[in-house]
Amino acid sequence: MASTGVTNNKTTAEDAAYWFAPLVRAVPAAALAGVVTFAGGRYTPEFGLVTFGGFAIVAGLAGGILSFRAIGSGVNRTLFLLQAILSVLVGVVALVGLNAGLPLFLGLVGSWGVLTGVLEGYAGLRSRGRLAVSRDWIFVGIVTVVLGVVALVIPPDYVQHYVDPVGPRILNTAVMVVGALGVYGAIVAVYLVIAGLSLKWSTATPAKDGVTP
């Protein structure tokens, strides 16, 4: 990661210990993108709740573990623990409330995206100039907030009928938000894999004055 982005972020001993965390976080994001992609575009609110709920629980559990194993004690660890707890809780609600349909789906994706994105973005902003990984936290935080805003601003009753070579299709709110989830997962997964590998390669000689956020 030191080879790209803001040049005043020094690679510290904590960055060196953190390089594997983005790779772990990329796994549930990639799974989310894969499930959405192979569903073939026939998305329902129930499908969205199951897919999002599973992703949020796995991502939250992974984030909670990584908070202790890869982030030094302090404010940043607290922020990522809060993010992990929120993710698990939202995921459980999504799976339990399958019968609630579209309103719950939009509300959960929207609130999760905004809250967890802000937490991660803030962790990145407060670590700028001290940790190279701050760039990754800021980027993922912004993308997550964008996902949340998309889920909150799309009209719930949006419906458009069209015909493609396969036959009649419907583009509605559930289709668009589930599709946005898939795009989100793909972007985050690719970015985190590149970030983790770049961070590993750039920390061959980490600084001795590690910073605890």
Protein backbone atom coordinates (compact mmCIF):
# COMPACT_ATOMS: atom_id res chain seq x y z
CA MET A 1 0.00 0.00 0.00
CA ALA A 2 2.90 2.38 0.54
CA SER A 3 3.46 2.65 -3.18
CA THR A 4 0.09 4.29 -3.82
CA GLY A 5 -2.10 7.00 -2.34
CA VAL A 6 -1.06 9.58 0.19
CA THR A 7 2.68 9.68 0.51
CA ASN A 8 2.82 10.95 4.09
CA ASN A 9 1.38 7.71 5.54
CA LYS A 10 4.43 5.85 6.80
CA THR A 11 4.40 2.07 6.90
CA THR A 12 4.56 1.18 10.58
CA ALA A 13 5.01 -2.02 12.54
CA GLU A 14 1.24 -2.10 13.02
CA ASP A 15 0.71 -1.88 9.26
CA ALA A 16 3.07 -4.82 8.89
CA ALA A 17 1.00 -6.84 11.34
CA TYR A 18 -2.25 -5.85 9.63
CA TRP A 19 -1.56 -6.94 6.04
CA PHE A 20 -3.56 -10.20 6.28
CA ALA A 21 -6.71 -8.50 7.60
CA PRO A 22 -7.82 -7.01 4.24
CA LEU A 23 -7.46 -10.46 2.65
CA VAL A 24 -9.70 -12.00 5.31
CA ARG A 25 -12.26 -9.21 4.90
CA ALA A 26 -12.23 -9.72 1.14
CA VAL A 27 -13.60 -13.28 1.47
CA PRO A 28 -17.19 -12.48 2.58
CA ALA A 29 -17.30 -9.54 0.14
CA ALA A 30 -16.28 -11.82 -2.72
CA ALA A 31 -18.85 -14.40 -1.63
CA LEU A 32 -21.53 -11.72 -1.63
CA ALA A 33 -20.61 -10.68 -5.16
CA GLY A 34 -20.55 -14.30 -6.32
CA VAL A 35 -23.95 -15.20 -4.86
CA VAL A 36 -25.59 -12.14 -6.38
CA THR A 37 -23.95 -12.70 -9.76
CA PHE A 38 -24.90 -16.35 -10.07
CA ALA A 39 -28.49 -15.70 -8.99
CA GLY A 40 -29.13 -14.60 -12.56
CA GLY A 41 -30.73 -11.25 -11.85
CA ARG A 42 -34.02 -12.61 -10.49
CA TYR A 43 -33.83 -10.88 -7.14
CA THR A 44 -36.55 -10.66 -4.50
CA PRO A 45 -36.57 -8.92 -1.11
CA GLU A 46 -36.35 -12.35 0.55
CA PHE A 47 -33.30 -13.25 -1.51
CA GLY A 48 -31.78 -9.91 -0.58
CA LEU A 49 -32.41 -10.44 3.12
CA VAL A 50 -30.88 -13.92 3.11
CA THR A 51 -27.86 -12.85 1.06
CA PHE A 52 -27.24 -9.64 2.96
CA GLY A 53 -27.90 -11.27 6.33
CA GLY A 54 -25.40 -14.04 5.71
CA PHE A 55 -22.81 -11.58 4.49
CA ALA A 56 -23.28 -9.21 7.43
CA ILE A 57 -22.94 -11.99 10.01
CA VAL A 58 -19.80 -13.47 8.47
CA ALA A 59 -18.24 -10.06 7.87
CA GLY A 60 -19.11 -8.99 11.40
CA LEU A 61 -17.62 -12.09 13.02
CA ALA A 62 -14.46 -11.75 10.93
CA GLY A 63 -14.23 -8.06 11.77
CA GLY A 64 -14.62 -8.72 15.48
CA ILE A 65 -11.83 -11.29 15.49
CA LEU A 66 -9.57 -9.07 13.42
CA SER A 67 -10.18 -6.16 15.79
CA PHE A 68 -8.31 -8.06 18.48
CA ARG A 69 -5.72 -9.80 16.32
CA ALA A 70 -4.72 -7.03 13.92
CA ILE A 71 -5.59 -3.66 15.47
CA GLY A 72 -3.83 -2.17 18.48
CA SER A 73 -5.88 -1.34 21.55
CA GLY A 74 -7.41 2.10 21.43
CA VAL A 75 -10.08 4.07 19.61
CA ASN A 76 -9.67 2.28 16.27
CA ARG A 77 -10.19 -1.12 17.85
CA THR A 78 -13.35 0.18 19.52
CA LEU A 79 -14.64 1.56 16.22
CA PHE A 80 -14.13 -1.74 14.42
CA LEU A 81 -15.67 -3.70 17.29
CA LEU A 82 -18.74 -1.49 17.08
CA GLN A 83 -18.83 -2.08 13.33
CA ALA A 84 -18.61 -5.83 13.89
CA ILE A 85 -21.36 -5.87 16.50
CA LEU A 86 -23.66 -3.80 14.30
CA SER A 87 -23.02 -6.10 11.35
CA VAL A 88 -23.84 -9.26 13.29
CA LEU A 89 -26.99 -7.75 14.80
CA VAL A 90 -28.21 -6.46 11.44
CA GLY A 91 -27.47 -9.83 9.84
CA VAL A 92 -29.46 -11.70 12.48
CA VAL A 93 -32.42 -9.33 12.09
CA ALA A 94 -32.30 -9.82 8.31
CA LEU A 95 -32.46 -13.61 8.62
CA VAL A 96 -35.12 -13.60 11.33
CA GLY A 97 -37.31 -11.05 9.54
CA LEU A 98 -37.53 -12.67 6.12
CA ASN A 99 -41.31 -12.22 6.04
CA ALA A 100 -40.99 -8.45 6.49
CA GLY A 101 -39.96 -8.11 2.85
CA LEU A 102 -38.77 -4.98 1.08
CA PRO A 103 -39.15 -2.34 3.84
CA LEU A 104 -36.90 -4.31 6.20
CA PHE A 105 -34.41 -5.08 3.44
CA LEU A 106 -34.03 -1.43 2.47
CA GLY A 107 -33.92 -0.26 6.07
CA LEU A 108 -31.26 -2.74 7.11
CA VAL A 109 -28.99 -2.25 4.10
CA GLY A 110 -29.37 1.52 4.36
CA SER A 111 -28.74 1.83 8.09
CA TRP A 112 -25.93 -0.74 8.04
CA GLY A 113 -24.20 0.96 5.14
CA VAL A 114 -24.33 4.45 6.63
CA LEU A 115 -23.43 3.50 10.21
CA THR A 116 -20.64 1.01 9.54
CA GLY A 117 -19.29 3.10 6.68
CA VAL A 118 -19.04 6.17 8.89
CA LEU A 119 -17.30 4.17 11.62
CA GLU A 120 -14.70 2.80 9.22
CA GLY A 121 -14.24 6.10 7.43
CA TYR A 122 -13.71 7.89 10.73
CA ALA A 123 -11.10 5.32 11.77
CA GLY A 124 -9.28 6.01 8.53
CA LEU A 125 -9.50 9.79 8.81
CA ARG A 126 -8.17 9.87 12.37
CA SER A 127 -5.26 7.60 11.34
CA ARG A 128 -4.15 9.61 8.29
CA GLY A 129 -0.44 10.35 8.34
CA ARG A 130 0.18 7.65 10.96
CA LEU A 131 -0.98 4.40 9.36
CA ALA A 132 -0.73 3.47 5.70
CA VAL A 133 -3.85 1.31 6.07
CA SER A 134 -5.90 4.44 6.76
CA ARG A 135 -6.36 4.86 3.00
CA ASP A 136 -8.08 1.49 2.80
CA TRP A 137 -10.39 2.25 5.71
CA ILE A 138 -11.39 5.57 4.14
CA PHE A 139 -12.08 4.00 0.75
CA VAL A 140 -14.13 1.09 2.09
CA GLY A 141 -15.97 3.45 4.43
CA ILE A 142 -16.97 5.72 1.56
CA VAL A 143 -18.11 2.84 -0.66
CA THR A 144 -20.14 1.39 2.22
CA VAL A 145 -21.85 4.72 2.92
CA VAL A 146 -22.69 5.06 -0.78
CA LEU A 147 -24.34 1.62 -0.69
CA GLY A 148 -26.38 2.66 2.32
CA VAL A 149 -27.49 5.91 0.70
CA VAL A 150 -28.52 4.06 -2.47
CA ALA A 151 -30.73 1.73 -0.43
CA LEU A 152 -32.31 4.65 1.39
CA VAL A 153 -33.00 6.97 -1.56
CA ILE A 154 -34.39 4.55 -4.17
CA PRO A 155 -38.21 4.75 -4.12
CA PRO A 156 -39.60 1.49 -2.66
CA ASP A 157 -42.36 1.38 -5.27
CA TYR A 158 -40.14 1.80 -8.32
CA VAL A 159 -41.08 -0.67 -11.08
CA GLN A 160 -40.13 -0.77 -14.75
CA HIS A 161 -41.11 -3.53 -17.19
CA TYR A 162 -38.89 -4.33 -20.16
CA VAL A 163 -38.12 -7.13 -22.59
CA ASP A 164 -34.70 -8.62 -23.29
CA PRO A 165 -33.70 -11.58 -25.53
CA VAL A 166 -34.68 -13.99 -22.75
CA GLY A 167 -38.16 -12.55 -22.34
CA PRO A 168 -40.13 -10.09 -20.18
CA ARG A 169 -38.25 -8.70 -17.20
CA ILE A 170 -39.00 -6.41 -14.29
CA LEU A 171 -36.64 -3.81 -12.87
CA ASN A 172 -37.76 -2.84 -9.41
CA THR A 173 -36.30 -1.59 -6.16
CA ALA A 174 -35.33 -5.04 -4.88
CA VAL A 175 -33.51 -5.84 -8.12
CA MET A 176 -31.57 -2.57 -8.03
CA VAL A 177 -30.54 -2.80 -4.36
CA VAL A 178 -29.56 -6.47 -4.57
CA GLY A 179 -27.59 -5.62 -7.71
CA ALA A 180 -25.93 -2.75 -5.83
CA LEU A 181 -24.98 -5.24 -3.10
CA GLY A 182 -23.27 -7.42 -5.68
CA VAL A 183 -21.38 -4.48 -7.16
CA TYR A 184 -20.39 -3.38 -3.65
CA GLY A 185 -19.07 -6.84 -2.82
CA ALA A 186 -17.03 -7.01 -6.02
CA ILE A 187 -15.49 -3.56 -5.57
CA VAL A 188 -14.61 -4.12 -1.91
CA ALA A 189 -13.25 -7.63 -2.50
CA VAL A 190 -10.93 -6.59 -5.33
CA TYR A 191 -9.77 -3.50 -3.50
CA LEU A 192 -9.04 -5.34 -0.25
CA VAL A 193 -7.07 -8.10 -1.98
CA ILE A 194 -4.91 -5.50 -3.72
CA ALA A 195 -4.60 -3.53 -0.47
CA GLY A 196 -3.55 -6.54 1.59
CA LEU A 197 -0.95 -7.75 -0.89
CA SER A 198 0.39 -4.23 -1.44
CA LEU A 199 0.66 -3.69 2.30
CA LYS A 200 2.53 -6.97 2.73
CA TRP A 201 4.99 -6.15 -0.04
CA SER A 202 5.56 -2.65 1.28
CA THR A 203 6.34 -3.77 4.84
CA ALA A 204 9.41 -5.84 4.19
CA THR A 205 11.28 -3.35 6.41
CA PRO A 206 8.66 -1.84 8.71
CA ALA A 207 9.38 1.20 10.82
CA LYS A 208 10.45 0.43 14.39
CA ASP A 209 8.24 3.11 15.91
CA GLY A 210 4.87 1.37 15.57
CA VAL A 211 1.84 3.51 16.24
CA THR A 212 -1.05 2.42 18.39
CA PRO A 213 -4.17 4.21 17.22
